[in-house]
């Protein structure tokens, strides 16, 4: 199942093949924080959610995030 990073209902990233790939992209972009218990979480209002495999990709080739 494909995944992407969302802010509320807006998709912010390209579609990733796995949830882990979406987490990796968010972490590379500095959007992942580490809580006092050592668990990773996304910044406020961001979520990694499943999305349709056929949704449009961003125009910028090689970019993980839609600007």
C-alpha atoms as a PDB file:
ATOM      1  CA  UNK A   1       0.000   0.000   0.000  1.00  0.00           C
ATOM      2  CA  UNK A   2       1.419   3.428  -0.913  1.00  0.00           C
ATOM      3  CA  UNK A   3       1.938   6.162   1.694  1.00  0.00           C
ATOM      4  CA  UNK A   4       2.577   9.907   1.787  1.00  0.00           C
ATOM      5  CA  UNK A   5       3.110  12.680   4.330  1.00  0.00           C
ATOM      6  CA  UNK A   6       0.020  14.833   4.870  1.00  0.00           C
ATOM      7  CA  UNK A   7      -0.747  18.071   6.674  1.00  0.00           C
ATOM      8  CA  UNK A   8      -4.392  17.653   7.631  1.00  0.00           C
ATOM      9  CA  UNK A   9      -5.927  16.583   4.286  1.00  0.00           C
ATOM     10  CA  UNK A  10      -3.248  18.025   1.966  1.00  0.00           C
ATOM     11  CA  UNK A  11      -0.625  15.653   0.605  1.00  0.00           C
ATOM     12  CA  UNK A  12       2.852  17.178   1.009  1.00  0.00           C
ATOM     13  CA  UNK A  13       5.009  14.482  -0.564  1.00  0.00           C
ATOM     14  CA  UNK A  14       5.205  12.211  -3.510  1.00  0.00           C
ATOM     15  CA  UNK A  15       3.776   8.727  -3.046  1.00  0.00           C
ATOM     16  CA  UNK A  16       6.111   6.208  -1.382  1.00  0.00           C
ATOM     17  CA  UNK A  17       5.884   2.451  -1.813  1.00  0.00           C
ATOM     18  CA  UNK A  18       6.100   1.811   1.937  1.00  0.00           C
ATOM     19  CA  UNK A  19       5.331   3.614   5.175  1.00  0.00           C
ATOM     20  CA  UNK A  20       9.021   3.349   6.135  1.00  0.00           C
ATOM     21  CA  UNK A  21      10.058   5.227   2.978  1.00  0.00           C
ATOM     22  CA  UNK A  22       7.643   8.038   3.902  1.00  0.00           C
ATOM     23  CA  UNK A  23       9.136   8.168   7.425  1.00  0.00           C
ATOM     24  CA  UNK A  24      12.657   8.259   5.961  1.00  0.00           C
ATOM     25  CA  UNK A  25      11.766  11.191   3.685  1.00  0.00           C
ATOM     26  CA  UNK A  26      10.148  13.080   6.575  1.00  0.00           C
ATOM     27  CA  UNK A  27      13.222  12.470   8.719  1.00  0.00           C
ATOM     28  CA  UNK A  28      15.552  13.647   5.944  1.00  0.00           C
ATOM     29  CA  UNK A  29      13.489  16.850   5.697  1.00  0.00           C
ATOM     30  CA  UNK A  30      13.807  17.474   9.441  1.00  0.00           C
ATOM     31  CA  UNK A  31      10.130  16.842  10.179  1.00  0.00           C
ATOM     32  CA  UNK A  32      10.657  14.026  12.669  1.00  0.00           C
ATOM     33  CA  UNK A  33      11.238  14.729  16.353  1.00  0.00           C
ATOM     34  CA  UNK A  34      12.203  12.378  19.174  1.00  0.00           C
ATOM     35  CA  UNK A  35      10.102  12.379  22.314  1.00  0.00           C
ATOM     36  CA  UNK A  36      11.358  12.010  25.884  1.00  0.00           C
ATOM     37  CA  UNK A  37      10.611   8.288  25.668  1.00  0.00           C
ATOM     38  CA  UNK A  38      12.840   7.935  22.577  1.00  0.00           C
ATOM     39  CA  UNK A  39       9.945   7.393  20.166  1.00  0.00           C
ATOM     40  CA  UNK A  40       9.934   9.264  16.860  1.00  0.00           C
ATOM     41  CA  UNK A  41       6.970  11.429  15.902  1.00  0.00           C
ATOM     42  CA  UNK A  42       6.106  13.953  13.211  1.00  0.00           C
ATOM     43  CA  UNK A  43       5.810  17.680  13.797  1.00  0.00           C
ATOM     44  CA  UNK A  44       2.357  19.054  14.664  1.00  0.00           C
ATOM     45  CA  UNK A  45      -0.417  18.534  12.128  1.00  0.00           C
ATOM     46  CA  UNK A  46       1.663  16.106  10.032  1.00  0.00           C
ATOM     47  CA  UNK A  47       0.741  12.475   9.510  1.00  0.00           C
ATOM     48  CA  UNK A  48       1.850   9.599   7.362  1.00  0.00           C
ATOM     49  CA  UNK A  49      -1.217   8.038   5.809  1.00  0.00           C
ATOM     50  CA  UNK A  50      -2.047   5.571   3.069  1.00  0.00           C
ATOM     51  CA  UNK A  51      -2.998   7.159  -0.236  1.00  0.00           C
ATOM     52  CA  UNK A  52      -4.165   6.110  -3.665  1.00  0.00           C
ATOM     53  CA  UNK A  53      -1.457   4.627  -5.842  1.00  0.00           C
ATOM     54  CA  UNK A  54      -2.773   6.556  -8.822  1.00  0.00           C
ATOM     55  CA  UNK A  55      -2.630  10.070  -7.333  1.00  0.00           C
ATOM     56  CA  UNK A  56      -0.606  12.627  -9.291  1.00  0.00           C
ATOM     57  CA  UNK A  57       3.074  12.991  -8.595  1.00  0.00           C
ATOM     58  CA  UNK A  58       4.705  16.391  -8.039  1.00  0.00           C
ATOM     59  CA  UNK A  59       6.118  18.064 -11.132  1.00  0.00           C
ATOM     60  CA  UNK A  60       9.653  18.451  -9.712  1.00  0.00           C
ATOM     61  CA  UNK A  61      11.510  15.303 -10.652  1.00  0.00           C
ATOM     62  CA  UNK A  62      13.699  13.988  -7.851  1.00  0.00           C
ATOM     63  CA  UNK A  63      11.843  15.873  -5.155  1.00  0.00           C
ATOM     64  CA  UNK A  64      10.086  14.091  -2.304  1.00  0.00           C
ATOM     65  CA  UNK A  65       8.071  17.155  -1.254  1.00  0.00           C
ATOM     66  CA  UNK A  66       5.463  19.166  -3.167  1.00  0.00           C
ATOM     67  CA  UNK A  67       6.164  22.886  -2.847  1.00  0.00           C
END
